[in-house]
Protein backbone atom coordinates (compact mmCIF):
# COMPACT_ATOMS: atom_id res chain seq x y z
CA MET A 1 77.74 150.96 96.75
CA ASN A 2 76.44 150.30 100.21
CA MET A 3 78.96 148.80 102.67
CA SER A 4 76.37 146.29 103.95
CA PHE A 5 76.11 144.87 100.40
CA PHE A 6 79.83 144.02 100.50
CA ARG A 7 79.48 142.44 103.95
CA ILE A 8 76.55 140.30 102.80
CA ALA A 9 78.43 139.30 99.62
CA ALA A 10 81.55 138.42 101.64
CA ALA A 11 79.49 136.37 104.11
CA GLY A 12 77.82 134.55 101.20
CA LEU A 13 81.16 133.74 99.60
CA THR A 14 82.53 132.52 102.93
CA LEU A 15 79.49 130.28 103.43
CA ALA A 16 79.73 128.93 99.87
CA ALA A 17 83.42 128.20 100.33
CA GLY A 18 82.66 126.38 103.57
CA LEU A 19 79.97 124.26 101.93
CA SER A 20 82.18 123.18 99.06
CA SER A 21 85.32 122.64 101.08
CA THR A 22 86.81 119.23 101.48
CA GLN A 23 87.20 117.76 104.94
CA ALA A 24 90.74 116.42 105.27
CA ALA A 25 91.19 113.40 107.49
CA THR A 26 94.63 112.21 108.48
CA LEU A 27 95.26 108.68 107.28
CA PRO A 28 97.40 106.74 109.77
CA ALA A 29 100.29 104.72 108.33
CA ASP A 30 99.68 101.74 110.60
CA GLY A 31 97.59 99.68 108.19
CA SER A 32 94.28 100.41 109.93
CA TRP A 33 91.19 101.05 107.80
CA ALA A 34 89.69 104.54 107.37
CA GLY A 35 86.14 104.50 106.03
CA PHE A 36 84.31 106.70 103.54
CA THR A 37 80.79 106.77 102.14
CA VAL A 38 79.20 107.85 98.85
CA ASP A 39 75.57 108.88 98.49
CA GLY A 40 74.53 110.39 95.17
CA ASN A 41 70.87 110.36 96.25
CA LEU A 42 71.15 112.96 99.02
CA PRO A 43 72.54 116.52 99.04
CA PRO A 44 75.08 117.43 97.77
CA TYR A 45 74.13 114.77 95.12
CA ALA A 46 77.69 113.90 94.23
CA LEU A 47 79.56 110.65 93.74
CA ASN A 48 82.75 111.67 95.55
CA TRP A 49 83.81 110.28 98.91
CA ILE A 50 82.05 111.98 101.83
CA ASP A 51 82.25 111.90 105.61
CA ASP A 52 79.37 111.33 108.04
CA GLU A 53 78.22 114.96 107.66
CA ALA A 54 78.06 114.65 103.81
CA ALA A 55 81.14 116.89 103.37
CA ALA A 56 83.60 116.02 100.61
CA LEU A 57 86.33 113.89 102.14
CA SER A 58 90.04 113.60 101.42
CA PHE A 59 92.75 111.72 103.28
CA SER A 60 96.04 113.53 103.92
CA PHE A 61 99.36 112.12 105.00
CA THR A 62 103.09 112.50 104.47
CA ILE A 63 105.47 109.66 103.66
CA PRO A 64 108.96 110.37 105.05
CA THR A 65 112.03 110.48 102.81
CA GLY A 66 113.49 107.02 102.34
CA PHE A 67 110.10 105.32 102.63
CA LYS A 68 107.38 104.22 100.22
CA GLY A 69 103.69 103.79 100.85
CA THR A 70 101.22 101.14 99.79
CA LEU A 71 97.65 102.45 99.61
CA THR A 72 94.86 99.86 99.54
CA VAL A 73 91.29 100.86 98.63
CA VAL A 74 88.36 98.45 98.94
CA ASP A 75 84.60 98.56 98.29
CA ALA A 76 82.19 97.12 100.87
CA GLY A 77 78.43 96.69 101.36
CA PHE A 78 77.01 95.27 98.10
CA SER A 79 79.69 94.20 95.64
CA GLY A 80 79.79 95.95 92.27
CA ASP A 81 81.11 99.44 92.98
CA GLU A 82 84.29 100.84 91.43
CA PHE A 83 86.24 103.99 92.33
CA ARG A 84 88.65 106.39 90.63
CA ILE A 85 91.45 107.38 93.01
CA SER A 86 93.40 110.65 92.83
CA ASP A 87 96.35 112.07 94.71
CA GLY A 88 95.79 115.83 94.55
CA ALA A 89 95.50 116.61 90.83
CA THR A 90 97.20 113.34 89.80
CA LEU A 91 95.06 110.35 88.84
CA LEU A 92 96.41 107.21 90.50
CA GLY A 93 94.00 104.86 88.75
CA SER A 94 90.81 102.92 89.36
CA THR A 95 89.88 100.00 91.53
CA SER A 96 89.37 96.62 89.87
CA ALA A 97 86.23 95.45 88.14
CA ALA A 98 83.71 93.93 90.53
CA VAL A 99 80.83 91.47 90.34
CA ASN A 100 77.53 93.36 90.49
CA GLY A 101 76.10 92.73 93.92
CA ASP A 102 72.46 93.67 93.36
CA ALA A 103 70.18 92.38 96.10
CA LEU A 104 71.25 88.76 95.45
CA GLY A 105 75.02 89.26 95.28
CA ALA A 106 77.82 89.40 97.77
CA ILE A 107 77.29 91.58 100.84
CA GLU A 108 80.21 92.33 103.15
CA PHE A 109 80.56 94.80 106.02
CA SER A 110 84.09 93.83 107.07
CA PHE A 111 86.77 95.60 105.04
CA ASP A 112 89.23 92.72 105.51
CA ALA A 113 86.63 90.19 104.33
CA ALA A 114 85.69 92.40 101.35
CA LEU A 115 89.38 92.65 100.41
CA ALA A 116 89.62 88.84 100.47
CA ASN A 117 86.45 88.40 98.36
CA THR A 118 87.07 88.71 94.59
CA HIS A 119 83.51 89.96 94.06
CA PHE A 120 84.53 93.30 95.60
CA SER A 121 86.50 96.02 93.86
CA ARG A 122 89.94 96.86 95.23
CA GLY A 123 93.00 98.86 94.27
CA LEU A 124 96.61 98.82 95.34
CA PHE A 125 98.73 101.92 94.70
CA THR A 126 102.41 102.57 95.44
CA LEU A 127 103.26 106.10 96.62
CA GLY A 128 106.63 107.79 97.00
CA SER A 129 107.82 110.01 99.80
CA GLY A 130 106.18 113.42 100.22
CA ALA A 131 102.79 114.92 101.00
CA HIS A 132 99.67 113.21 99.63
CA GLU A 133 95.95 114.05 99.53
CA ILE A 134 93.84 111.10 98.41
CA THR A 135 90.29 111.49 97.08
CA GLY A 136 87.92 109.10 95.36
CA LEU A 137 84.95 109.11 93.03
CA LEU A 138 82.36 106.38 92.45
CA ILE A 139 82.62 105.56 88.71
CA LYS A 140 80.46 102.43 88.64
CA SER A 141 77.70 101.54 91.04
CA THR A 142 76.02 98.29 91.89
CA THR A 143 72.42 98.12 90.66
CA LEU A 144 69.20 97.59 92.53
CA ASP A 145 66.28 96.41 90.39
CA GLY A 146 68.27 97.42 87.30
CA ALA A 147 68.97 101.01 88.43
CA GLU A 148 72.32 102.24 89.74
CA LEU A 149 72.24 102.53 93.52
CA ASN A 150 74.88 105.34 93.65
CA ALA A 151 75.31 104.83 97.39
CA THR A 152 78.01 102.76 99.02
CA PHE A 153 80.83 102.71 101.49
CA GLY A 154 84.39 101.51 101.50
CA ALA A 155 87.74 102.10 103.10
CA LEU A 156 91.41 102.69 102.51
CA ARG A 157 94.54 101.95 104.46
CA LEU A 158 98.16 103.01 104.25
CA GLU A 159 101.24 100.97 105.07
CA ILE A 160 104.74 102.42 104.78
CA ALA A 161 108.07 100.64 104.50
CA PRO A 162 111.66 101.77 104.07
CA VAL A 163 113.05 101.84 100.55
CA PRO A 164 116.24 99.76 100.36
CA GLU A 165 119.38 101.86 100.03
CA PRO A 166 121.09 101.50 96.62
CA ALA A 167 124.21 100.17 98.37
CA THR A 168 122.13 97.48 100.10
CA LEU A 169 120.57 96.46 96.81
CA ALA A 170 124.01 96.36 95.13
CA THR A 171 125.37 94.18 97.94
CA LEU A 172 122.40 91.83 97.60
CA LEU A 173 122.91 91.52 93.83
CA ALA A 174 126.65 90.93 94.27
CA GLY A 175 125.92 88.20 96.81
CA LEU A 176 123.45 86.53 94.45
CA ALA A 177 126.00 86.66 91.62
CA LEU A 178 128.68 85.11 93.85
CA LEU A 179 126.25 82.39 94.97
CA THR A 180 125.45 81.62 91.31
CA VAL A 181 129.16 81.27 90.47
CA VAL A 182 129.75 78.94 93.42
CA LEU A 183 126.75 76.76 92.52
CA ARG A 184 127.82 76.52 88.87
CA ARG A 185 131.36 75.44 89.87
CA ARG A 186 129.93 72.83 92.22
CA ASP A 187 127.64 71.46 89.47
CA SER A 188 130.48 71.27 86.91
CA LYS A 189 132.66 69.08 89.20
């Protein structure tokens, strides 16, 4: 075969790989919100999280040994959207059921306000130490004139905290047991 055929094929495969690749954003562990969008009505016509350039979006981070992470995901815009959240190939779960926003429902552009409003879908996931890559998929969309909108935005945030040492937990339990004994003796007198 002609060598230029192989070069064209290789260039095509490289371009295709670039188009389907996922853009990884680093998710800070300081509790700040990182936004995402979904637009199933525009190319690439998918319901996964995307960035501003319509590239598939994932959020990467590492939780240090001895710590745990709390991942919060919230819907915004019109209420009524729900997401399926994955960590690599592992399904973490889905966000809560939401009240369909339609044109007359709840509208919220602040992620903190959407989190506080029960009309909006939210999820809370606990993660252990190690490397994580979080992705999401729109599994239920708010409707507009009875048809699914399939376009929304939302955000996620990560907070990390140290995991108590087993010895600390044992000391705490021993202290509570001792306090219980002392209180029972006092009550019996």
